[in-house]
Amino acid sequence: MKSHLPRILPALALALAACAAHAGDAPVVSNAWSRATAPGVEVGAAYMVIVGGSKDDRLIGASSDRAAMVHLHDVVEEDGMAKMRSTEAVEVSAGQRVELAPKGRHLMLMGLDAPLVTGETYTLVLKFVVSGEQTVTVHVRPATAETAHPQQHH
């Protein structure tokens, strides 16, 4: 039986090199977290830090099997009052840090299937224009949390 390995190896090496090169293009997501929610509450929020890859990109949406819908939101001050507004995208410039945080830009989880419980994790699929989809693990922190625990990384 003749081996096809010598013919396949160069193609495989090229494919792996292309994948490795593309990986540096994608934004890097870290410190993804949510606050715990009370029983009966069907909305929550997700926060994270996104550092742009080698190319400008835009976060245009997200999904999770924990929520019926996930929308991008921003908090803006209008007439001295903070108001939450839906936004179409979050710009993620190459090499730049973007923070999704309480009282600012965040992902709004609507139609939660169950409360978010401190200590559990769930996944979000982030949708970027250039780099495509990226799955992120989100850590649920106590309802009183203001920031992500510094050791949490994607």
Protein backbone atom coordinates (compact mmCIF):
# COMPACT_ATOMS: atom_id res chain seq x y z
CA MET A 1 0.00 0.00 0.00
CA LYS A 2 1.45 3.32 -1.09
CA SER A 3 1.49 6.23 1.35
CA HIS A 4 0.01 9.56 0.30
CA LEU A 5 1.63 11.29 3.24
CA PRO A 6 4.54 12.84 1.26
CA ARG A 7 2.02 14.52 -1.11
CA ILE A 8 -0.33 15.66 1.65
CA LEU A 9 2.22 17.11 4.11
CA PRO A 10 3.14 20.24 2.09
CA ALA A 11 -0.55 21.14 1.60
CA LEU A 12 -1.26 20.52 5.28
CA ALA A 13 1.67 22.71 6.31
CA LEU A 14 0.42 25.55 4.11
CA ALA A 15 -3.10 25.26 5.50
CA LEU A 16 -1.84 25.35 9.10
CA ALA A 17 0.37 28.37 8.36
CA ALA A 18 -2.60 30.20 6.84
CA CYS A 19 -4.73 29.45 9.92
CA ALA A 20 -1.99 30.64 12.27
CA ALA A 21 -1.53 33.86 10.30
CA HIS A 22 -5.29 34.52 10.30
CA ALA A 23 -5.53 33.96 14.06
CA GLY A 24 -3.49 37.15 14.67
CA ASP A 25 -6.03 39.14 12.66
CA ALA A 26 -8.88 38.45 15.09
CA PRO A 27 -9.64 40.64 18.09
CA VAL A 28 -8.67 39.14 21.45
CA VAL A 29 -11.45 38.98 24.03
CA SER A 30 -10.75 38.71 27.77
CA ASN A 31 -12.45 39.19 31.14
CA ALA A 32 -15.93 38.31 29.85
CA TRP A 33 -18.41 38.45 32.73
CA SER A 34 -22.02 39.00 33.73
CA ARG A 35 -23.74 39.84 36.98
CA ALA A 36 -25.96 37.21 38.59
CA THR A 37 -29.68 37.82 38.04
CA ALA A 38 -32.60 37.27 40.39
CA PRO A 39 -35.20 34.53 39.77
CA GLY A 40 -37.87 35.74 37.36
CA VAL A 41 -35.62 38.40 35.77
CA GLU A 42 -35.34 37.72 32.05
CA VAL A 43 -32.64 40.28 31.18
CA GLY A 44 -28.95 40.47 31.93
CA ALA A 45 -25.81 42.01 30.51
CA ALA A 46 -22.37 40.82 29.44
CA TYR A 47 -19.17 42.82 29.72
CA MET A 48 -15.65 42.21 28.42
CA VAL A 49 -12.43 43.69 27.10
CA ILE A 50 -11.74 43.44 23.37
CA VAL A 51 -8.31 44.25 21.92
CA GLY A 52 -8.26 44.72 18.16
CA GLY A 53 -6.24 42.33 16.02
CA SER A 54 -4.01 43.37 13.13
CA LYS A 55 -6.93 44.83 11.16
CA ASP A 56 -9.78 47.20 12.03
CA ASP A 57 -12.96 45.27 12.79
CA ARG A 58 -16.50 45.86 14.05
CA LEU A 59 -18.52 43.86 16.58
CA ILE A 60 -21.97 43.74 14.97
CA GLY A 61 -23.83 41.25 17.14
CA ALA A 62 -23.81 38.26 19.42
CA SER A 63 -25.88 35.24 20.32
CA SER A 64 -26.15 32.81 23.21
CA ASP A 65 -28.20 29.71 23.84
CA ARG A 66 -28.93 31.24 27.29
CA ALA A 67 -30.92 34.17 25.82
CA ALA A 68 -33.54 34.58 23.10
CA MET A 69 -31.79 37.75 21.88
CA VAL A 70 -28.50 39.55 22.46
CA HIS A 71 -28.27 43.22 21.49
CA LEU A 72 -25.44 45.76 21.56
CA HIS A 73 -26.29 48.65 23.88
CA ASP A 74 -24.66 51.88 24.91
CA VAL A 75 -25.45 54.17 27.81
CA VAL A 76 -25.54 57.85 26.86
CA GLU A 77 -26.22 60.92 28.95
CA GLU A 78 -29.16 62.95 27.71
CA ASP A 79 -30.59 65.93 29.59
CA GLY A 80 -28.61 64.94 32.67
CA MET A 81 -30.02 61.41 32.66
CA ALA A 82 -28.27 58.18 31.68
CA LYS A 83 -30.25 56.39 28.98
CA MET A 84 -29.64 53.00 27.43
CA ARG A 85 -29.73 52.91 23.63
CA SER A 86 -29.39 50.09 21.13
CA THR A 87 -26.37 50.48 18.84
CA GLU A 88 -25.59 48.76 15.53
CA ALA A 89 -21.88 48.09 16.07
CA VAL A 90 -18.86 48.59 18.28
CA GLU A 91 -15.74 49.72 16.42
CA VAL A 92 -12.67 47.64 17.28
CA SER A 93 -9.64 49.37 15.76
CA ALA A 94 -6.45 47.41 15.11
CA GLY A 95 -4.45 47.03 18.32
CA GLN A 96 -6.83 49.22 20.33
CA ARG A 97 -8.58 48.28 23.59
CA VAL A 98 -12.38 48.51 23.79
CA GLU A 99 -14.15 47.90 27.08
CA LEU A 100 -17.75 46.75 27.41
CA ALA A 101 -18.57 47.71 30.99
CA PRO A 102 -21.38 48.61 33.38
CA LYS A 103 -22.76 52.12 32.75
CA GLY A 104 -21.33 52.02 29.20
CA ARG A 105 -21.29 49.81 26.13
CA HIS A 106 -22.42 46.26 26.84
CA LEU A 107 -24.25 43.24 25.42
CA MET A 108 -27.86 43.05 26.60
CA LEU A 109 -29.18 39.51 27.09
CA MET A 110 -32.96 39.37 26.64
CA GLY A 111 -35.25 36.43 27.23
CA LEU A 112 -32.91 34.54 29.57
CA ASP A 113 -33.84 30.86 29.83
CA ALA A 114 -32.99 30.84 33.57
CA PRO A 115 -31.33 33.15 36.09
CA LEU A 116 -27.59 33.73 35.75
CA VAL A 117 -26.10 32.19 38.89
CA THR A 118 -22.85 33.31 40.56
CA GLY A 119 -20.03 30.90 39.72
CA GLU A 120 -21.51 29.46 36.55
CA THR A 121 -20.28 30.10 33.01
CA TYR A 122 -22.05 30.33 29.67
CA THR A 123 -20.97 31.01 26.11
CA LEU A 124 -21.54 33.94 23.81
CA VAL A 125 -20.83 33.88 20.09
CA LEU A 126 -19.55 37.30 19.06
CA LYS A 127 -20.02 38.35 15.42
CA PHE A 128 -17.31 40.52 13.85
CA VAL A 129 -17.44 41.95 10.30
CA VAL A 130 -13.84 41.05 9.33
CA SER A 131 -12.84 38.16 11.59
CA GLY A 132 -16.20 36.37 11.72
CA GLU A 133 -17.54 34.56 14.76
CA GLN A 134 -15.68 34.06 18.02
CA THR A 135 -16.96 31.99 20.95
CA VAL A 136 -16.32 33.45 24.39
CA THR A 137 -16.83 31.97 27.87
CA VAL A 138 -18.62 34.37 30.21
CA HIS A 139 -18.17 34.08 33.99
CA VAL A 140 -21.13 34.99 36.22
CA ARG A 141 -20.16 37.16 39.20
CA PRO A 142 -22.24 38.33 42.17
CA ALA A 143 -25.03 40.81 41.41
CA THR A 144 -23.08 43.54 43.23
CA ALA A 145 -19.93 43.15 41.05
CA GLU A 146 -18.66 46.33 39.40
CA THR A 147 -15.73 44.94 37.41
CA ALA A 148 -14.39 41.60 36.19
CA HIS A 149 -12.04 39.64 38.37
CA PRO A 150 -8.56 40.46 36.97
CA GLN A 151 -7.54 36.81 36.54
CA GLN A 152 -10.43 35.92 34.20
CA HIS A 153 -9.26 35.54 30.60
CA HIS A 154 -10.73 34.01 27.45
